[in-house]
PDB file of N, CA and C in Angstrom:
ATOM      1  N   MET A   1     -56.368  32.461 -31.929  1.00  0.00           N
ATOM      2  CA  MET A   1     -57.064  32.149 -33.163  1.00  0.00           C
ATOM      3  C   MET A   1     -56.774  30.704 -33.566  1.00  0.00           C
ATOM      4  N   THR A   2     -57.811  30.023 -34.020  1.00  0.00           N
ATOM      5  CA  THR A   2     -57.657  28.679 -34.535  1.00  0.00           C
ATOM      6  C   THR A   2     -57.581  28.753 -36.051  1.00  0.00           C
ATOM      7  N   LEU A   3     -56.640  28.043 -36.592  1.00  0.00           N
ATOM      8  CA  LEU A   3     -56.422  28.058 -38.041  1.00  0.00           C
ATOM      9  C   LEU A   3     -57.457  27.172 -38.721  1.00  0.00           C
ATOM     10  N   ASP A   4     -58.309  27.786 -39.556  1.00  0.00           N
ATOM     11  CA  ASP A   4     -59.325  26.997 -40.249  1.00  0.00           C
ATOM     12  C   ASP A   4     -58.698  26.291 -41.454  1.00  0.00           C
ATOM     13  N   ASP A   5     -59.388  25.267 -41.930  1.00  0.00           N
ATOM     14  CA  ASP A   5     -58.854  24.433 -43.016  1.00  0.00           C
ATOM     15  C   ASP A   5     -58.600  25.227 -44.285  1.00  0.00           C
ATOM     16  N   ALA A   6     -59.490  26.148 -44.621  1.00  0.00           N
ATOM     17  CA  ALA A   6     -59.333  26.921 -45.858  1.00  0.00           C
ATOM     18  C   ALA A   6     -58.069  27.777 -45.807  1.00  0.00           C
ATOM     19  N   THR A   7     -57.828  28.418 -44.671  1.00  0.00           N
ATOM     20  CA  THR A   7     -56.628  29.245 -44.535  1.00  0.00           C
ATOM     21  C   THR A   7     -55.379  28.377 -44.530  1.00  0.00           C
ATOM     22  N   ARG A   8     -55.437  27.246 -43.849  1.00  0.00           N
ATOM     23  CA  ARG A   8     -54.296  26.312 -43.831  1.00  0.00           C
ATOM     24  C   ARG A   8     -53.957  25.878 -45.258  1.00  0.00           C
ATOM     25  N   GLN A   9     -54.969  25.549 -46.037  1.00  0.00           N
ATOM     26  CA  GLN A   9     -54.736  25.111 -47.416  1.00  0.00           C
ATOM     27  C   GLN A   9     -54.154  26.244 -48.263  1.00  0.00           C
ATOM     28  N   ARG A  10     -54.626  27.468 -48.070  1.00  0.00           N
ATOM     29  CA  ARG A  10     -54.066  28.620 -48.795  1.00  0.00           C
ATOM     30  C   ARG A  10     -52.589  28.796 -48.459  1.00  0.00           C
ATOM     31  N   ILE A  11     -52.266  28.702 -47.163  1.00  0.00           N
ATOM     32  CA  ILE A  11     -50.872  28.862 -46.728  1.00  0.00           C
ATOM     33  C   ILE A  11     -50.005  27.750 -47.308  1.00  0.00           C
ATOM     34  N   GLU A  12     -50.475  26.515 -47.244  1.00  0.00           N
ATOM     35  CA  GLU A  12     -49.717  25.395 -47.792  1.00  0.00           C
ATOM     36  C   GLU A  12     -49.487  25.565 -49.290  1.00  0.00           C
ATOM     37  N   LYS A  13     -50.496  26.062 -49.997  1.00  0.00           N
ATOM     38  CA  LYS A  13     -50.365  26.297 -51.444  1.00  0.00           C
ATOM     39  C   LYS A  13     -49.328  27.381 -51.724  1.00  0.00           C
ATOM     40  N   ILE A  14     -49.340  28.447 -50.946  1.00  0.00           N
ATOM     41  CA  ILE A  14     -48.363  29.527 -51.116  1.00  0.00           C
ATOM     42  C   ILE A  14     -46.949  29.000 -50.863  1.00  0.00           C
ATOM     43  N   ILE A  15     -46.777  28.286 -49.758  1.00  0.00           N
ATOM     44  CA  ILE A  15     -45.457  27.754 -49.399  1.00  0.00           C
ATOM     45  C   ILE A  15     -44.955  26.793 -50.471  1.00  0.00           C
ATOM     46  N   GLY A  16     -45.862  26.025 -51.055  1.00  0.00           N
ATOM     47  CA  GLY A  16     -45.481  25.072 -52.091  1.00  0.00           C
ATOM     48  C   GLY A  16     -45.267  25.693 -53.463  1.00  0.00           C
ATOM     49  N   SER A  17     -45.601  26.966 -53.610  1.00  0.00           N
ATOM     50  CA  SER A  17     -45.539  27.616 -54.923  1.00  0.00           C
ATOM     51  C   SER A  17     -44.126  28.017 -55.345  1.00  0.00           C
ATOM     52  N   ASP A  18     -43.195  28.070 -54.406  1.00  0.00           N
ATOM     53  CA  ASP A  18     -41.828  28.491 -54.721  1.00  0.00           C
ATOM     54  C   ASP A  18     -40.896  27.854 -53.697  1.00  0.00           C
ATOM     55  N   ARG A  19     -39.636  27.709 -54.058  1.00  0.00           N
ATOM     56  CA  ARG A  19     -38.701  27.095 -53.097  1.00  0.00           C
ATOM     57  C   ARG A  19     -38.363  28.031 -51.956  1.00  0.00           C
ATOM     58  N   VAL A  20     -38.509  29.364 -52.160  1.00  0.00           N
ATOM     59  CA  VAL A  20     -38.250  30.339 -51.107  1.00  0.00           C
ATOM     60  C   VAL A  20     -39.450  31.278 -51.026  1.00  0.00           C
ATOM     61  N   VAL A  21     -40.088  31.290 -49.847  1.00  0.00           N
ATOM     62  CA  VAL A  21     -41.270  32.125 -49.624  1.00  0.00           C
ATOM     63  C   VAL A  21     -41.068  32.912 -48.340  1.00  0.00           C
ATOM     64  N   LEU A  22     -41.248  34.223 -48.450  1.00  0.00           N
ATOM     65  CA  LEU A  22     -41.111  35.114 -47.310  1.00  0.00           C
ATOM     66  C   LEU A  22     -42.452  35.768 -47.012  1.00  0.00           C
ATOM     67  N   PHE A  23     -43.022  35.449 -45.858  1.00  0.00           N
ATOM     68  CA  PHE A  23     -44.207  36.139 -45.360  1.00  0.00           C
ATOM     69  C   PHE A  23     -43.693  37.366 -44.627  1.00  0.00           C
ATOM     70  N   MET A  24     -44.139  38.540 -45.078  1.00  0.00           N
ATOM     71  CA  MET A  24     -43.558  39.781 -44.564  1.00  0.00           C
ATOM     72  C   MET A  24     -44.597  40.886 -44.524  1.00  0.00           C
ATOM     73  N   LYS A  25     -44.212  41.978 -43.929  1.00  0.00           N
ATOM     74  CA  LYS A  25     -45.035  43.186 -43.945  1.00  0.00           C
ATOM     75  C   LYS A  25     -44.555  44.042 -45.113  1.00  0.00           C
ATOM     76  N   GLY A  26     -45.433  44.217 -46.089  1.00  0.00           N
ATOM     77  CA  GLY A  26     -45.064  44.923 -47.301  1.00  0.00           C
ATOM     78  C   GLY A  26     -44.665  43.921 -48.369  1.00  0.00           C
ATOM     79  N   ASN A  27     -43.857  44.387 -49.332  1.00  0.00           N
ATOM     80  CA  ASN A  27     -43.392  43.499 -50.388  1.00  0.00           C
ATOM     81  C   ASN A  27     -41.909  43.733 -50.640  1.00  0.00           C
ATOM     82  N   ARG A  28     -41.365  42.966 -51.550  1.00  0.00           N
ATOM     83  CA  ARG A  28     -39.925  43.013 -51.812  1.00  0.00           C
ATOM     84  C   ARG A  28     -39.465  44.426 -52.178  1.00  0.00           C
ATOM     85  N   GLN A  29     -40.258  45.125 -52.964  1.00  0.00           N
ATOM     86  CA  GLN A  29     -39.890  46.461 -53.409  1.00  0.00           C
ATOM     87  C   GLN A  29     -40.117  47.519 -52.320  1.00  0.00           C
ATOM     88  N   MET A  30     -41.028  47.237 -51.384  1.00  0.00           N
ATOM     89  CA  MET A  30     -41.367  48.228 -50.376  1.00  0.00           C
ATOM     90  C   MET A  30     -41.710  47.561 -49.032  1.00  0.00           C
ATOM     91  N   PRO A  31     -40.698  47.070 -48.315  1.00  0.00           N
ATOM     92  CA  PRO A  31     -40.946  46.487 -46.998  1.00  0.00           C
ATOM     93  C   PRO A  31     -41.548  47.538 -46.054  1.00  0.00           C
ATOM     94  N   GLN A  32     -42.458  47.078 -45.192  1.00  0.00           N
ATOM     95  CA  GLN A  32     -43.156  47.988 -44.294  1.00  0.00           C
ATOM     96  C   GLN A  32     -42.699  47.884 -42.837  1.00  0.00           C
ATOM     97  N   CYS A  33     -41.639  47.140 -42.590  1.00  0.00           N
ATOM     98  CA  CYS A  33     -41.042  47.127 -41.247  1.00  0.00           C
ATOM     99  C   CYS A  33     -39.558  46.796 -41.389  1.00  0.00           C
ATOM    100  N   GLY A  34     -38.791  47.168 -40.402  1.00  0.00           N
ATOM    101  CA  GLY A  34     -37.347  46.967 -40.444  1.00  0.00           C
ATOM    102  C   GLY A  34     -36.939  45.507 -40.509  1.00  0.00           C
ATOM    103  N   PHE A  35     -37.669  44.644 -39.814  1.00  0.00           N
ATOM    104  CA  PHE A  35     -37.328  43.220 -39.817  1.00  0.00           C
ATOM    105  C   PHE A  35     -37.558  42.614 -41.202  1.00  0.00           C
ATOM    106  N   SER A  36     -38.671  42.984 -41.821  1.00  0.00           N
ATOM    107  CA  SER A  36     -38.939  42.519 -43.184  1.00  0.00           C
ATOM    108  C   SER A  36     -37.888  43.057 -44.146  1.00  0.00           C
ATOM    109  N   ALA A  37     -37.513  44.315 -43.991  1.00  0.00           N
ATOM    110  CA  ALA A  37     -36.492  44.923 -44.855  1.00  0.00           C
ATOM    111  C   ALA A  37     -35.159  44.197 -44.719  1.00  0.00           C
ATOM    112  N   THR A  38     -34.808  43.798 -43.506  1.00  0.00           N
ATOM    113  CA  THR A  38     -33.558  43.073 -43.279  1.00  0.00           C
ATOM    114  C   THR A  38     -33.556  41.748 -44.037  1.00  0.00           C
ATOM    115  N   LEU A  39     -34.659  41.010 -43.968  1.00  0.00           N
ATOM    116  CA  LEU A  39     -34.697  39.728 -44.666  1.00  0.00           C
ATOM    117  C   LEU A  39     -34.688  39.913 -46.174  1.00  0.00           C
ATOM    118  N   VAL A  40     -35.355  40.942 -46.671  1.00  0.00           N
ATOM    119  CA  VAL A  40     -35.310  41.221 -48.109  1.00  0.00           C
ATOM    120  C   VAL A  40     -33.873  41.522 -48.529  1.00  0.00           C
ATOM    121  N   GLN A  41     -33.160  42.310 -47.750  1.00  0.00           N
ATOM    122  CA  GLN A  41     -31.764  42.625 -48.080  1.00  0.00           C
ATOM    123  C   GLN A  41     -30.915  41.362 -48.137  1.00  0.00           C
ATOM    124  N   ILE A  42     -31.098  40.489 -47.164  1.00  0.00           N
ATOM    125  CA  ILE A  42     -30.337  39.233 -47.133  1.00  0.00           C
ATOM    126  C   ILE A  42     -30.675  38.389 -48.362  1.00  0.00           C
ATOM    127  N   LEU A  43     -31.954  38.169 -48.605  1.00  0.00           N
ATOM    128  CA  LEU A  43     -32.361  37.324 -49.726  1.00  0.00           C
ATOM    129  C   LEU A  43     -31.952  37.925 -51.061  1.00  0.00           C
ATOM    130  N   ASP A  44     -32.028  39.245 -51.185  1.00  0.00           N
ATOM    131  CA  ASP A  44     -31.637  39.895 -52.442  1.00  0.00           C
ATOM    132  C   ASP A  44     -30.160  39.686 -52.758  1.00  0.00           C
ATOM    133  N   THR A  45     -29.324  39.522 -51.732  1.00  0.00           N
ATOM    134  CA  THR A  45     -27.905  39.270 -51.984  1.00  0.00           C
ATOM    135  C   THR A  45     -27.657  37.832 -52.444  1.00  0.00           C
ATOM    136  N   LEU A  46     -28.618  36.941 -52.180  1.00  0.00           N
ATOM    137  CA  LEU A  46     -28.419  35.522 -52.438  1.00  0.00           C
ATOM    138  C   LEU A  46     -29.223  34.971 -53.605  1.00  0.00           C
ATOM    139  N   LEU A  47     -30.358  35.602 -53.906  1.00  0.00           N
ATOM    140  CA  LEU A  47     -31.285  35.031 -54.881  1.00  0.00           C
ATOM    141  C   LEU A  47     -31.780  36.067 -55.878  1.00  0.00           C
ATOM    142  N   PRO A  48     -31.914  35.675 -57.132  1.00  0.00           N
ATOM    143  CA  PRO A  48     -32.521  36.595 -58.096  1.00  0.00           C
ATOM    144  C   PRO A  48     -34.038  36.677 -57.929  1.00  0.00           C
ATOM    145  N   GLY A  49     -34.643  35.608 -57.467  1.00  0.00           N
ATOM    146  CA  GLY A  49     -36.094  35.602 -57.338  1.00  0.00           C
ATOM    147  C   GLY A  49     -36.569  34.755 -56.186  1.00  0.00           C
ATOM    148  N   TYR A  50     -37.637  35.188 -55.565  1.00  0.00           N
ATOM    149  CA  TYR A  50     -38.304  34.449 -54.502  1.00  0.00           C
ATOM    150  C   TYR A  50     -39.682  35.073 -54.336  1.00  0.00           C
ATOM    151  N   THR A  51     -40.549  34.389 -53.626  1.00  0.00           N
ATOM    152  CA  THR A  51     -41.917  34.852 -53.434  1.00  0.00           C
ATOM    153  C   THR A  51     -42.042  35.591 -52.114  1.00  0.00           C
ATOM    154  N   THR A  52     -42.713  36.737 -52.160  1.00  0.00           N
ATOM    155  CA  THR A  52     -43.058  37.433 -50.920  1.00  0.00           C
ATOM    156  C   THR A  52     -44.573  37.484 -50.810  1.00  0.00           C
ATOM    157  N   VAL A  53     -45.044  37.427 -49.576  1.00  0.00           N
ATOM    158  CA  VAL A  53     -46.467  37.505 -49.288  1.00  0.00           C
ATOM    159  C   VAL A  53     -46.667  38.642 -48.297  1.00  0.00           C
ATOM    160  N   ASP A  54     -47.429  39.649 -48.703  1.00  0.00           N
ATOM    161  CA  ASP A  54     -47.697  40.815 -47.860  1.00  0.00           C
ATOM    162  C   ASP A  54     -48.822  40.482 -46.893  1.00  0.00           C
ATOM    163  N   VAL A  55     -48.468  40.223 -45.643  1.00  0.00           N
ATOM    164  CA  VAL A  55     -49.481  39.857 -44.653  1.00  0.00           C
ATOM    165  C   VAL A  55     -50.368  41.042 -44.265  1.00  0.00           C
ATOM    166  N   LEU A  56     -49.908  42.256 -44.530  1.00  0.00           N
ATOM    167  CA  LEU A  56     -50.709  43.431 -44.200  1.00  0.00           C
ATOM    168  C   LEU A  56     -51.941  43.528 -45.095  1.00  0.00           C
ATOM    169  N   SER A  57     -51.874  42.959 -46.288  1.00  0.00           N
ATOM    170  CA  SER A  57     -52.999  43.029 -47.217  1.00  0.00           C
ATOM    171  C   SER A  57     -53.992  41.888 -47.026  1.00  0.00           C
ATOM    172  N   ASP A  58     -53.675  40.941 -46.128  1.00  0.00           N
ATOM    173  CA  ASP A  58     -54.550  39.783 -45.920  1.00  0.00           C
ATOM    174  C   ASP A  58     -54.541  39.379 -44.444  1.00  0.00           C
ATOM    175  N   PRO A  59     -55.487  39.909 -43.662  1.00  0.00           N
ATOM    176  CA  PRO A  59     -55.515  39.608 -42.221  1.00  0.00           C
ATOM    177  C   PRO A  59     -55.621  38.116 -41.906  1.00  0.00           C
ATOM    178  N   GLY A  60     -56.301  37.363 -42.762  1.00  0.00           N
ATOM    179  CA  GLY A  60     -56.414  35.920 -42.531  1.00  0.00           C
ATOM    180  C   GLY A  60     -55.067  35.230 -42.607  1.00  0.00           C
ATOM    181  N   ILE A  61     -54.274  35.600 -43.600  1.00  0.00           N
ATOM    182  CA  ILE A  61     -52.924  35.041 -43.734  1.00  0.00           C
ATOM    183  C   ILE A  61     -52.028  35.563 -42.613  1.00  0.00           C
ATOM    184  N   ARG A  62     -52.193  36.840 -42.269  1.00  0.00           N
ATOM    185  CA  ARG A  62     -51.356  37.444 -41.221  1.00  0.00           C
ATOM    186  C   ARG A  62     -51.476  36.676 -39.906  1.00  0.00           C
ATOM    187  N   GLU A  63     -52.687  36.374 -39.500  1.00  0.00           N
ATOM    188  CA  GLU A  63     -52.877  35.618 -38.259  1.00  0.00           C
ATOM    189  C   GLU A  63     -52.666  34.122 -38.481  1.00  0.00           C
ATOM    190  N   GLY A  64     -53.085  33.647 -39.647  1.00  0.00           N
ATOM    191  CA  GLY A  64     -52.994  32.215 -39.930  1.00  0.00           C
ATOM    192  C   GLY A  64     -51.569  31.708 -39.992  1.00  0.00           C
ATOM    193  N   ILE A  65     -50.643  32.489 -40.554  1.00  0.00           N
ATOM    194  CA  ILE A  65     -49.267  32.028 -40.680  1.00  0.00           C
ATOM    195  C   ILE A  65     -48.620  31.877 -39.308  1.00  0.00           C
ATOM    196  N   LYS A  66     -49.013  32.713 -38.360  1.00  0.00           N
ATOM    197  CA  LYS A  66     -48.478  32.588 -36.996  1.00  0.00           C
ATOM    198  C   LYS A  66     -48.932  31.274 -36.362  1.00  0.00           C
ATOM    199  N   GLU A  67     -50.180  30.933 -36.581  1.00  0.00           N
ATOM    200  CA  GLU A  67     -50.725  29.675 -36.063  1.00  0.00           C
ATOM    201  C   GLU A  67     -50.108  28.485 -36.807  1.00  0.00           C
ATOM    202  N   PHE A  68     -49.986  28.617 -38.108  1.00  0.00           N
ATOM    203  CA  PHE A  68     -49.449  27.548 -38.954  1.00  0.00           C
ATOM    204  C   PHE A  68     -48.051  27.142 -38.508  1.00  0.00           C
ATOM    205  N   SER A  69     -47.216  28.129 -38.237  1.00  0.00           N
ATOM    206  CA  SER A  69     -45.816  27.865 -37.896  1.00  0.00           C
ATOM    207  C   SER A  69     -45.553  27.753 -36.398  1.00  0.00           C
ATOM    208  N   SER A  70     -46.562  28.107 -35.605  1.00  0.00           N
ATOM    209  CA  SER A  70     -46.379  28.218 -34.149  1.00  0.00           C
ATOM    210  C   SER A  70     -45.272  29.221 -33.826  1.00  0.00           C
ATOM    211  N   TRP A  71     -45.224  30.285 -34.606  1.00  0.00           N
ATOM    212  CA  TRP A  71     -44.226  31.340 -34.449  1.00  0.00           C
ATOM    213  C   TRP A  71     -44.987  32.664 -34.380  1.00  0.00           C
ATOM    214  N   PRO A  72     -44.770  33.476 -33.346  1.00  0.00           N
ATOM    215  CA  PRO A  72     -45.650  34.622 -33.106  1.00  0.00           C
ATOM    216  C   PRO A  72     -45.381  35.885 -33.909  1.00  0.00           C
ATOM    217  N   THR A  73     -44.301  35.913 -34.679  1.00  0.00           N
ATOM    218  CA  THR A  73     -43.941  37.175 -35.328  1.00  0.00           C
ATOM    219  C   THR A  73     -43.794  37.024 -36.843  1.00  0.00           C
ATOM    220  N   ILE A  74     -43.826  38.168 -37.494  1.00  0.00           N
ATOM    221  CA  ILE A  74     -43.601  38.305 -38.934  1.00  0.00           C
ATOM    222  C   ILE A  74     -42.350  39.169 -39.059  1.00  0.00           C
ATOM    223  N   PRO A  75     -41.440  38.911 -39.950  1.00  0.00           N
ATOM    224  CA  PRO A  75     -41.478  38.005 -41.093  1.00  0.00           C
ATOM    225  C   PRO A  75     -41.195  36.554 -40.724  1.00  0.00           C
ATOM    226  N   GLN A  76     -41.570  35.681 -41.667  1.00  0.00           N
ATOM    227  CA  GLN A  76     -41.297  34.257 -41.555  1.00  0.00           C
ATOM    228  C   GLN A  76     -40.774  33.770 -42.906  1.00  0.00           C
ATOM    229  N   LEU A  77     -39.672  33.022 -42.863  1.00  0.00           N
ATOM    230  CA  LEU A  77     -39.050  32.523 -44.089  1.00  0.00           C
ATOM    231  C   LEU A  77     -39.202  31.007 -44.193  1.00  0.00           C
ATOM    232  N   TYR A  78     -39.630  30.573 -45.384  1.00  0.00           N
ATOM    233  CA  TYR A  78     -39.758  29.153 -45.703  1.00  0.00           C
ATOM    234  C   TYR A  78     -38.831  28.838 -46.876  1.00  0.00           C
ATOM    235  N   VAL A  79     -38.067  27.774 -46.733  1.00  0.00           N
ATOM    236  CA  VAL A  79     -37.176  27.318 -47.805  1.00  0.00           C
ATOM    237  C   VAL A  79     -37.462  25.838 -48.034  1.00  0.00           C
ATOM    238  N   GLY A  80     -37.790  25.498 -49.271  1.00  0.00           N
ATOM    239  CA  GLY A  80     -38.116  24.108 -49.584  1.00  0.00           C
ATOM    240  C   GLY A  80     -39.281  23.593 -48.768  1.00  0.00           C
ATOM    241  N   GLY A  81     -40.222  24.456 -48.457  1.00  0.00           N
ATOM    242  CA  GLY A  81     -41.393  24.076 -47.674  1.00  0.00           C
ATOM    243  C   GLY A  81     -41.165  24.035 -46.182  1.00  0.00           C
ATOM    244  N   GLU A  82     -39.951  24.288 -45.736  1.00  0.00           N
ATOM    245  CA  GLU A  82     -39.599  24.204 -44.320  1.00  0.00           C
ATOM    246  C   GLU A  82     -39.499  25.605 -43.708  1.00  0.00           C
ATOM    247  N   PHE A  83     -40.115  25.777 -42.561  1.00  0.00           N
ATOM    248  CA  PHE A  83     -40.036  27.046 -41.842  1.00  0.00           C
ATOM    249  C   PHE A  83     -38.661  27.187 -41.211  1.00  0.00           C
ATOM    250  N   LEU A  84     -37.953  28.272 -41.553  1.00  0.00           N
ATOM    251  CA  LEU A  84     -36.625  28.495 -40.983  1.00  0.00           C
ATOM    252  C   LEU A  84     -36.675  29.378 -39.746  1.00  0.00           C
ATOM    253  N   GLY A  85     -37.489  30.419 -39.781  1.00  0.00           N
ATOM    254  CA  GLY A  85     -37.560  31.314 -38.629  1.00  0.00           C
ATOM    255  C   GLY A  85     -37.846  32.737 -39.048  1.00  0.00           C
ATOM    256  N   GLY A  86     -37.662  33.625 -38.094  1.00  0.00           N
ATOM    257  CA  GLY A  86     -37.861  35.046 -38.316  1.00  0.00           C
ATOM    258  C   GLY A  86     -36.547  35.758 -38.535  1.00  0.00           C
ATOM    259  N   CYS A  87     -36.561  37.045 -38.333  1.00  0.00           N
ATOM    260  CA  CYS A  87     -35.422  37.891 -38.684  1.00  0.00           C
ATOM    261  C   CYS A  87     -34.133  37.494 -37.957  1.00  0.00           C
ATOM    262  N   ASP A  88     -34.178  37.367 -36.658  1.00  0.00           N
ATOM    263  CA  ASP A  88     -32.958  37.081 -35.899  1.00  0.00           C
ATOM    264  C   ASP A  88     -32.342  35.743 -36.293  1.00  0.00           C
ATOM    265  N   ILE A  89     -33.177  34.722 -36.403  1.00  0.00           N
ATOM    266  CA  ILE A  89     -32.673  33.391 -36.751  1.00  0.00           C
ATOM    267  C   ILE A  89     -32.079  33.393 -38.154  1.00  0.00           C
ATOM    268  N   VAL A  90     -32.795  33.989 -39.106  1.00  0.00           N
ATOM    269  CA  VAL A  90     -32.308  34.004 -40.482  1.00  0.00           C
ATOM    270  C   VAL A  90     -31.021  34.825 -40.591  1.00  0.00           C
ATOM    271  N   ARG A  91     -30.954  35.915 -39.853  1.00  0.00           N
ATOM    272  CA  ARG A  91     -29.729  36.739 -39.866  1.00  0.00           C
ATOM    273  C   ARG A  91     -28.546  35.923 -39.335  1.00  0.00           C
ATOM    274  N   GLU A  92     -28.752  35.155 -38.274  1.00  0.00           N
ATOM    275  CA  GLU A  92     -27.697  34.303 -37.731  1.00  0.00           C
ATOM    276  C   GLU A  92     -27.301  33.220 -38.739  1.00  0.00           C
ATOM    277  N   MET A  93     -28.300  32.624 -39.394  1.00  0.00           N
ATOM    278  CA  MET A  93     -28.022  31.591 -40.393  1.00  0.00           C
ATOM    279  C   MET A  93     -27.224  32.166 -41.560  1.00  0.00           C
ATOM    280  N   TYR A  94     -27.539  33.398 -41.953  1.00  0.00           N
ATOM    281  CA  TYR A  94     -26.815  34.063 -43.037  1.00  0.00           C
ATOM    282  C   TYR A  94     -25.365  34.317 -42.625  1.00  0.00           C
ATOM    283  N   SER A  95     -25.179  34.816 -41.412  1.00  0.00           N
ATOM    284  CA  SER A  95     -23.823  35.120 -40.921  1.00  0.00           C
ATOM    285  C   SER A  95     -22.945  33.878 -40.844  1.00  0.00           C
ATOM    286  N   SER A  96     -23.561  32.744 -40.494  1.00  0.00           N
ATOM    287  CA  SER A  96     -22.793  31.503 -40.349  1.00  0.00           C
ATOM    288  C   SER A  96     -22.601  30.756 -41.664  1.00  0.00           C
ATOM    289  N   GLY A  97     -23.340  31.159 -42.711  1.00  0.00           N
ATOM    290  CA  GLY A  97     -23.271  30.450 -43.988  1.00  0.00           C
ATOM    291  C   GLY A  97     -24.301  29.341 -44.116  1.00  0.00           C
ATOM    292  N   GLU A  98     -25.027  29.076 -43.041  1.00  0.00           N
ATOM    293  CA  GLU A  98     -26.021  28.002 -43.057  1.00  0.00           C
ATOM    294  C   GLU A  98     -27.167  28.301 -44.027  1.00  0.00           C
ATOM    295  N   LEU A  99     -27.589  29.558 -44.113  1.00  0.00           N
ATOM    296  CA  LEU A  99     -28.673  29.924 -45.018  1.00  0.00           C
ATOM    297  C   LEU A  99     -28.273  29.667 -46.471  1.00  0.00           C
ATOM    298  N   GLN A 100     -27.076  30.075 -46.839  1.00  0.00           N
ATOM    299  CA  GLN A 100     -26.601  29.863 -48.197  1.00  0.00           C
ATOM    300  C   GLN A 100     -26.595  28.372 -48.532  1.00  0.00           C
ATOM    301  N   GLN A 101     -26.173  27.556 -47.589  1.00  0.00           N
ATOM    302  CA  GLN A 101     -26.139  26.111 -47.781  1.00  0.00           C
ATOM    303  C   GLN A 101     -27.555  25.565 -47.981  1.00  0.00           C
ATOM    304  N   MET A 102     -28.500  26.019 -47.176  1.00  0.00           N
ATOM    305  CA  MET A 102     -29.877  25.547 -47.303  1.00  0.00           C
ATOM    306  C   MET A 102     -30.482  25.958 -48.644  1.00  0.00           C
ATOM    307  N   LEU A 103     -30.186  27.174 -49.091  1.00  0.00           N
ATOM    308  CA  LEU A 103     -30.711  27.633 -50.379  1.00  0.00           C
ATOM    309  C   LEU A 103     -30.133  26.818 -51.523  1.00  0.00           C
ATOM    310  N   THR A 104     -28.861  26.475 -51.434  1.00  0.00           N
ATOM    311  CA  THR A 104     -28.224  25.646 -52.450  1.00  0.00           C
ATOM    312  C   THR A 104     -28.856  24.256 -52.482  1.00  0.00           C
ATOM    313  N   GLN A 105     -29.089  23.676 -51.316  1.00  0.00           N
ATOM    314  CA  GLN A 105     -29.705  22.352 -51.232  1.00  0.00           C
ATOM    315  C   GLN A 105     -31.140  22.396 -51.786  1.00  0.00           C
ATOM    316  N   ALA A 106     -31.883  23.448 -51.442  1.00  0.00           N
ATOM    317  CA  ALA A 106     -33.264  23.567 -51.934  1.00  0.00           C
ATOM    318  C   ALA A 106     -33.297  23.706 -53.450  1.00  0.00           C
ATOM    319  N   ALA A 107     -32.337  24.415 -54.011  1.00  0.00           N
ATOM    320  CA  ALA A 107     -32.252  24.589 -55.464  1.00  0.00           C
ATOM    321  C   ALA A 107     -31.932  23.253 -56.133  1.00  0.00           C
ATOM    322  N   ALA A 108     -31.059  22.465 -55.524  1.00  0.00           N
ATOM    323  CA  ALA A 108     -30.674  21.182 -56.100  1.00  0.00           C
ATOM    324  C   ALA A 108     -31.828  20.195 -56.084  1.00  0.00           C
ATOM    325  N   THR A 109     -32.614  20.190 -55.028  1.00  0.00           N
ATOM    326  CA  THR A 109     -33.739  19.252 -54.939  1.00  0.00           C
ATOM    327  C   THR A 109     -34.910  19.692 -55.801  1.00  0.00           C
ATOM    328  N   ALA A 110     -34.973  20.980 -56.157  1.00  0.00           N
ATOM    329  CA  ALA A 110     -36.063  21.484 -56.980  1.00  0.00           C
ATOM    330  C   ALA A 110     -35.872  21.117 -58.456  1.00  0.00           C
ATOM    331  N   ARG A 111     -34.691  20.720 -58.818  1.00  0.00           N
ATOM    332  CA  ARG A 111     -34.410  20.389 -60.224  1.00  0.00           C
ATOM    333  C   ARG A 111     -34.853  19.007 -60.594  1.00  0.00           C
TER     334      ARG A 111
END
C-alpha cells in the first residue's frame, strides 16, 4: 500500500496532538491484543495520560501507520513525535530505563 497525502497528514496530526501516542489494537481501557495490552500496562505505570489510537476502527490508519513508520506491526509507540518501536523494543527500553528517560525528556521539552 502507498500512503496517500491525506492519510499521512492525519497520522502526522495525531502524532503531533500529544507527547505520547500509542497506535494499538483496541483502546487503553480495552486492548484487543496481548502486545497492545503489554504496552498499555507499561505506559500506565509511567504516565497518567497519553493518547491511544484504535487502528481496528480505522483501516486507513491501520495500514497507513505501517507505511508511515516503515514498521510492519501494531502496536507502535511515538514519544515527542519520534517513533520508538513496537512491543519488544518498548519492553526492552522500559527494562533498561531508557523509556523512562525519553518520557522525562519529552515532558521537559513540551513545557
